[in-house]
Amino acid sequence: MSEASERIDVRTSPAIKELIVRAASTAGVSVSTFLLAAAQESFTLPAAAWKVFGAALDSLEKPRPRLSAAMARHREWETAGS
């Protein structure tokens, strides 16, 4: 991996900053690490499709405790932000 030598400055609203800080904290990483990871990989679905996707994951025959825990954290995070 190459040494980080470039800097990016971003201006945003206080609400978006709070959302980013909360998301990074939930993920257990720094804001910089969170933003870099988010810029490299994104999984976006409309709300209705996300619910269908979540239901499909919840209905898997083989129990997947880590996946279920991740979905529960997502639901909690989504609820906390409303």
N, C-alpha and C. Protein backbone atom coordinates (compact mmCIF):
# COMPACT_ATOMS: atom_id res chain seq x y z
N MET A 1 0.85 -1.18 0.00
CA MET A 1 0.00 0.00 0.00
C MET A 1 0.89 1.23 0.00
N SER A 2 0.53 2.23 -0.80
CA SER A 2 1.35 3.42 -0.87
C SER A 2 1.08 4.34 0.33
N GLU A 3 2.07 5.14 0.63
CA GLU A 3 1.96 6.07 1.74
C GLU A 3 0.98 7.19 1.39
N ALA A 4 0.12 7.54 2.32
CA ALA A 4 -0.84 8.62 2.10
C ALA A 4 -0.09 9.95 2.09
N SER A 5 -0.24 10.69 1.02
CA SER A 5 0.45 11.98 0.94
C SER A 5 -0.47 13.10 0.46
N GLU A 6 -1.68 12.77 0.09
CA GLU A 6 -2.62 13.78 -0.41
C GLU A 6 -3.68 14.06 0.64
N ARG A 7 -4.23 15.27 0.59
CA ARG A 7 -5.25 15.69 1.54
C ARG A 7 -6.48 16.15 0.76
N ILE A 8 -7.66 15.86 1.31
CA ILE A 8 -8.92 16.29 0.72
C ILE A 8 -9.68 17.06 1.80
N ASP A 9 -10.16 18.25 1.46
CA ASP A 9 -10.98 19.04 2.37
C ASP A 9 -12.42 19.01 1.86
N VAL A 10 -13.36 18.84 2.76
CA VAL A 10 -14.77 18.75 2.38
C VAL A 10 -15.58 19.69 3.26
N ARG A 11 -16.44 20.46 2.66
CA ARG A 11 -17.37 21.30 3.40
C ARG A 11 -18.75 20.66 3.32
N THR A 12 -19.46 20.67 4.44
CA THR A 12 -20.78 20.06 4.48
C THR A 12 -21.64 20.77 5.53
N SER A 13 -22.89 20.41 5.57
CA SER A 13 -23.79 20.98 6.57
C SER A 13 -23.54 20.30 7.92
N PRO A 14 -23.93 20.95 9.02
CA PRO A 14 -23.78 20.31 10.33
C PRO A 14 -24.53 18.98 10.42
N ALA A 15 -25.68 18.88 9.77
CA ALA A 15 -26.46 17.62 9.83
C ALA A 15 -25.73 16.48 9.13
N ILE A 16 -25.14 16.75 7.98
CA ILE A 16 -24.40 15.70 7.26
C ILE A 16 -23.14 15.33 8.03
N LYS A 17 -22.47 16.32 8.61
CA LYS A 17 -21.28 16.01 9.42
C LYS A 17 -21.66 15.10 10.58
N GLU A 18 -22.76 15.42 11.26
CA GLU A 18 -23.21 14.60 12.38
C GLU A 18 -23.50 13.17 11.92
N LEU A 19 -24.13 13.03 10.76
CA LEU A 19 -24.44 11.71 10.21
C LEU A 19 -23.16 10.93 9.94
N ILE A 20 -22.17 11.59 9.34
CA ILE A 20 -20.90 10.92 9.02
C ILE A 20 -20.16 10.53 10.30
N VAL A 21 -20.11 11.42 11.26
CA VAL A 21 -19.44 11.12 12.53
C VAL A 21 -20.12 9.96 13.24
N ARG A 22 -21.46 9.96 13.23
CA ARG A 22 -22.21 8.87 13.88
C ARG A 22 -21.97 7.54 13.17
N ALA A 23 -21.95 7.58 11.84
CA ALA A 23 -21.71 6.35 11.08
C ALA A 23 -20.31 5.81 11.33
N ALA A 24 -19.32 6.69 11.36
CA ALA A 24 -17.94 6.26 11.63
C ALA A 24 -17.83 5.66 13.02
N SER A 25 -18.47 6.32 13.97
CA SER A 25 -18.45 5.83 15.35
C SER A 25 -19.11 4.46 15.45
N THR A 26 -20.24 4.30 14.79
CA THR A 26 -20.94 3.01 14.79
C THR A 26 -20.06 1.92 14.19
N ALA A 27 -19.31 2.27 13.15
CA ALA A 27 -18.42 1.31 12.49
C ALA A 27 -17.14 1.08 13.29
N GLY A 28 -16.90 1.95 14.28
CA GLY A 28 -15.69 1.80 15.10
C GLY A 28 -14.42 2.25 14.41
N VAL A 29 -14.54 3.22 13.50
CA VAL A 29 -13.38 3.72 12.77
C VAL A 29 -13.37 5.24 12.80
N SER A 30 -12.25 5.81 12.38
CA SER A 30 -12.16 7.27 12.30
C SER A 30 -13.01 7.77 11.14
N VAL A 31 -13.32 9.06 11.16
CA VAL A 31 -14.09 9.66 10.07
C VAL A 31 -13.32 9.51 8.76
N SER A 32 -12.02 9.74 8.78
CA SER A 32 -11.21 9.61 7.56
C SER A 32 -11.29 8.20 6.99
N THR A 33 -11.11 7.20 7.86
CA THR A 33 -11.18 5.81 7.42
C THR A 33 -12.56 5.49 6.87
N PHE A 34 -13.58 5.97 7.54
CA PHE A 34 -14.96 5.73 7.10
C PHE A 34 -15.20 6.34 5.72
N LEU A 35 -14.81 7.59 5.53
CA LEU A 35 -15.04 8.26 4.25
C LEU A 35 -14.25 7.61 3.12
N LEU A 36 -13.01 7.21 3.39
CA LEU A 36 -12.22 6.54 2.36
C LEU A 36 -12.85 5.21 1.96
N ALA A 37 -13.30 4.44 2.94
CA ALA A 37 -13.94 3.16 2.65
C ALA A 37 -15.25 3.36 1.88
N ALA A 38 -16.03 4.35 2.30
CA ALA A 38 -17.30 4.62 1.63
C ALA A 38 -17.09 5.06 0.19
N ALA A 39 -16.02 5.79 -0.06
CA ALA A 39 -15.73 6.25 -1.42
C ALA A 39 -15.31 5.10 -2.32
N GLN A 40 -14.77 4.06 -1.72
CA GLN A 40 -14.28 2.93 -2.51
C GLN A 40 -15.33 1.86 -2.73
N GLU A 41 -16.33 1.81 -1.88
CA GLU A 41 -17.35 0.76 -1.99
C GLU A 41 -18.69 1.30 -1.54
N SER A 42 -19.68 1.14 -2.37
CA SER A 42 -20.99 1.65 -2.03
C SER A 42 -22.07 0.65 -2.41
N PHE A 43 -23.03 0.49 -1.54
CA PHE A 43 -24.16 -0.41 -1.77
C PHE A 43 -25.41 0.40 -1.51
N THR A 44 -26.07 0.85 -2.55
CA THR A 44 -27.20 1.74 -2.41
C THR A 44 -28.45 1.10 -2.98
N LEU A 45 -29.52 1.15 -2.21
CA LEU A 45 -30.81 0.65 -2.66
C LEU A 45 -31.89 1.64 -2.23
N PRO A 46 -32.94 1.77 -3.03
CA PRO A 46 -34.09 2.55 -2.56
C PRO A 46 -34.68 1.88 -1.31
N ALA A 47 -35.40 2.63 -0.50
CA ALA A 47 -35.92 2.11 0.77
C ALA A 47 -36.73 0.83 0.59
N ALA A 48 -37.60 0.79 -0.40
CA ALA A 48 -38.43 -0.40 -0.60
C ALA A 48 -37.58 -1.61 -0.95
N ALA A 49 -36.58 -1.42 -1.80
CA ALA A 49 -35.70 -2.54 -2.19
C ALA A 49 -34.86 -2.99 -1.01
N TRP A 50 -34.43 -2.04 -0.15
CA TRP A 50 -33.65 -2.39 1.04
C TRP A 50 -34.46 -3.29 1.96
N LYS A 51 -35.77 -2.98 2.12
CA LYS A 51 -36.63 -3.81 2.97
C LYS A 51 -36.77 -5.21 2.40
N VAL A 52 -36.92 -5.32 1.08
CA VAL A 52 -37.01 -6.64 0.43
C VAL A 52 -35.70 -7.39 0.61
N PHE A 53 -34.58 -6.70 0.43
CA PHE A 53 -33.26 -7.31 0.60
C PHE A 53 -33.09 -7.81 2.03
N GLY A 54 -33.44 -6.98 3.01
CA GLY A 54 -33.34 -7.37 4.41
C GLY A 54 -34.22 -8.56 4.73
N ALA A 55 -35.44 -8.57 4.20
CA ALA A 55 -36.35 -9.70 4.43
C ALA A 55 -35.78 -10.98 3.84
N ALA A 56 -35.19 -10.87 2.65
CA ALA A 56 -34.59 -12.05 2.01
C ALA A 56 -33.44 -12.58 2.86
N LEU A 57 -32.63 -11.69 3.40
CA LEU A 57 -31.53 -12.13 4.25
C LEU A 57 -32.04 -12.76 5.54
N ASP A 58 -33.11 -12.19 6.09
CA ASP A 58 -33.68 -12.73 7.32
C ASP A 58 -34.31 -14.10 7.13
N SER A 59 -34.71 -14.42 5.90
CA SER A 59 -35.41 -15.68 5.66
C SER A 59 -34.49 -16.80 5.17
N LEU A 60 -33.20 -16.59 5.24
CA LEU A 60 -32.27 -17.64 4.82
C LEU A 60 -32.46 -18.87 5.71
N GLU A 61 -32.40 -20.04 5.09
CA GLU A 61 -32.60 -21.28 5.85
C GLU A 61 -31.49 -21.52 6.87
N LYS A 62 -30.26 -21.27 6.48
CA LYS A 62 -29.13 -21.48 7.38
C LYS A 62 -28.98 -20.24 8.27
N PRO A 63 -28.98 -20.42 9.58
CA PRO A 63 -28.82 -19.26 10.47
C PRO A 63 -27.49 -18.55 10.20
N ARG A 64 -27.53 -17.26 10.14
CA ARG A 64 -26.34 -16.44 9.93
C ARG A 64 -26.33 -15.34 11.01
N PRO A 65 -25.84 -15.69 12.21
CA PRO A 65 -25.91 -14.75 13.33
C PRO A 65 -25.18 -13.43 13.08
N ARG A 66 -24.03 -13.44 12.41
CA ARG A 66 -23.31 -12.19 12.17
C ARG A 66 -24.08 -11.29 11.21
N LEU A 67 -24.69 -11.90 10.20
CA LEU A 67 -25.48 -11.12 9.25
C LEU A 67 -26.73 -10.56 9.93
N SER A 68 -27.38 -11.37 10.75
CA SER A 68 -28.56 -10.91 11.49
C SER A 68 -28.19 -9.77 12.43
N ALA A 69 -27.03 -9.87 13.09
CA ALA A 69 -26.59 -8.82 13.99
C ALA A 69 -26.31 -7.53 13.22
N ALA A 70 -25.72 -7.65 12.03
CA ALA A 70 -25.45 -6.47 11.21
C ALA A 70 -26.75 -5.80 10.79
N MET A 71 -27.74 -6.58 10.41
CA MET A 71 -29.03 -6.01 10.02
C MET A 71 -29.70 -5.35 11.22
N ALA A 72 -29.59 -5.93 12.38
CA ALA A 72 -30.17 -5.34 13.59
C ALA A 72 -29.49 -4.01 13.91
N ARG A 73 -28.15 -3.97 13.78
CA ARG A 73 -27.44 -2.72 14.02
C ARG A 73 -27.88 -1.66 13.01
N HIS A 74 -28.07 -2.08 11.75
CA HIS A 74 -28.52 -1.12 10.73
C HIS A 74 -29.90 -0.57 11.09
N ARG A 75 -30.80 -1.42 11.52
CA ARG A 75 -32.14 -0.96 11.89
C ARG A 75 -32.07 0.01 13.08
N GLU A 76 -31.25 -0.33 14.08
CA GLU A 76 -31.08 0.54 15.25
C GLU A 76 -30.49 1.88 14.84
N TRP A 77 -29.48 1.83 13.96
CA TRP A 77 -28.82 3.05 13.50
C TRP A 77 -29.81 3.91 12.72
N GLU A 78 -30.61 3.28 11.87
CA GLU A 78 -31.59 4.00 11.08
C GLU A 78 -32.63 4.65 11.99
N THR A 79 -33.08 3.92 13.01
CA THR A 79 -34.08 4.44 13.95
C THR A 79 -33.50 5.59 14.78
N ALA A 80 -32.25 5.46 15.21
CA ALA A 80 -31.62 6.49 16.04
C ALA A 80 -31.46 7.81 15.28
N GLY A 81 -31.31 7.72 13.96
CA GLY A 81 -31.12 8.92 13.16
C GLY A 81 -32.41 9.62 12.80
N SER A 82 -33.57 9.01 13.08
CA SER A 82 -34.84 9.64 12.69
C SER A 82 -35.34 10.61 13.71
